[in-house]
Protein backbone atom coordinates (compact mmCIF):
# COMPACT_ATOMS: atom_id res chain seq x y z
CA MET A 1 83.98 67.12 63.56
CA LYS A 2 86.68 69.65 64.35
CA THR A 3 89.77 68.25 66.06
CA VAL A 4 90.71 70.24 69.12
CA ASP A 5 94.18 70.00 70.57
CA CYS A 6 96.81 72.09 72.28
CA GLY A 7 100.49 72.34 71.50
CA ARG A 8 101.34 71.94 75.20
CA GLU A 9 99.59 68.57 75.69
CA GLU A 10 102.84 66.67 75.19
CA ASP A 11 104.60 68.84 77.81
CA VAL A 12 101.81 68.15 80.29
CA LEU A 13 101.85 64.40 79.62
CA ASP A 14 105.63 64.33 79.96
CA ALA A 15 105.43 66.09 83.33
CA LEU A 16 102.75 63.65 84.51
CA THR A 17 104.45 60.46 83.38
CA SER A 18 107.84 61.53 84.71
CA GLY A 19 106.39 62.29 88.15
CA ARG A 20 107.20 66.00 87.96
CA TRP A 21 103.58 67.19 87.99
CA PRO A 22 102.78 69.57 89.67
CA GLU A 23 105.60 70.18 92.14
CA ARG A 24 108.53 70.19 89.72
CA VAL A 25 107.24 72.02 86.65
CA ASP A 26 107.78 75.64 85.80
CA CYS A 27 105.21 78.27 86.70
CA GLU A 28 104.47 78.94 83.05
CA LEU A 29 103.21 75.38 82.46
CA LEU A 30 101.12 75.47 85.65
CA SER A 31 99.62 78.77 84.52
CA HIS A 32 98.96 77.39 81.06
CA VAL A 33 97.11 74.35 82.41
CA ALA A 34 95.03 76.60 84.68
CA ASP A 35 93.90 78.57 81.62
CA CYS A 36 93.63 75.75 79.05
CA SER A 37 90.59 73.50 79.26
CA ILE A 38 92.25 70.92 77.01
CA CYS A 39 95.32 70.59 79.22
CA THR A 40 93.18 70.62 82.35
CA ASP A 41 91.31 67.63 80.91
CA VAL A 42 94.63 65.97 80.04
CA VAL A 43 95.77 66.30 83.67
CA GLU A 44 92.52 64.88 85.02
CA VAL A 45 92.31 61.92 82.64
CA ALA A 46 96.01 61.05 82.57
CA SER A 47 96.26 61.28 86.37
CA ALA A 48 93.39 58.82 86.74
CA VAL A 49 94.89 56.45 84.17
CA LEU A 50 98.32 56.60 85.78
CA GLU A 51 96.81 55.97 89.21
CA VAL A 52 94.92 52.91 88.00
CA GLY A 53 97.93 51.74 86.01
CA GLY A 54 100.13 51.96 89.09
CA ASP A 55 97.66 49.80 90.99
CA VAL A 56 97.68 47.24 88.20
CA VAL A 57 101.48 47.09 88.23
CA ALA A 58 101.54 46.79 92.03
CA ARG A 59 99.03 43.92 91.91
CA ALA A 60 100.94 42.19 89.13
CA ASP A 61 104.13 42.30 91.23
CA ALA A 62 102.40 41.02 94.37
CA ARG A 63 102.95 37.38 95.25
CA ALA A 64 100.48 35.41 97.29
CA PRO A 65 101.95 33.09 99.92
CA GLY A 66 101.92 29.40 99.16
CA SER A 67 99.11 27.28 100.57
CA GLY A 68 101.52 25.61 103.01
CA SER A 69 102.38 28.92 104.74
């Protein structure tokens, strides 16, 4: 099977994980993602994973009140 990747995947992941996507990235990267099916997939999958991961962290930090409350 042929491995398919893009040299900009790391840039896209960095923008996503740092919270810069899409408002605080340069126009060139936005344009690249619009034209690159690999990076478009990276945005979709990584966004979903980060969203779920954020929920997991939020639930892990939540504390239930004691039974005497």
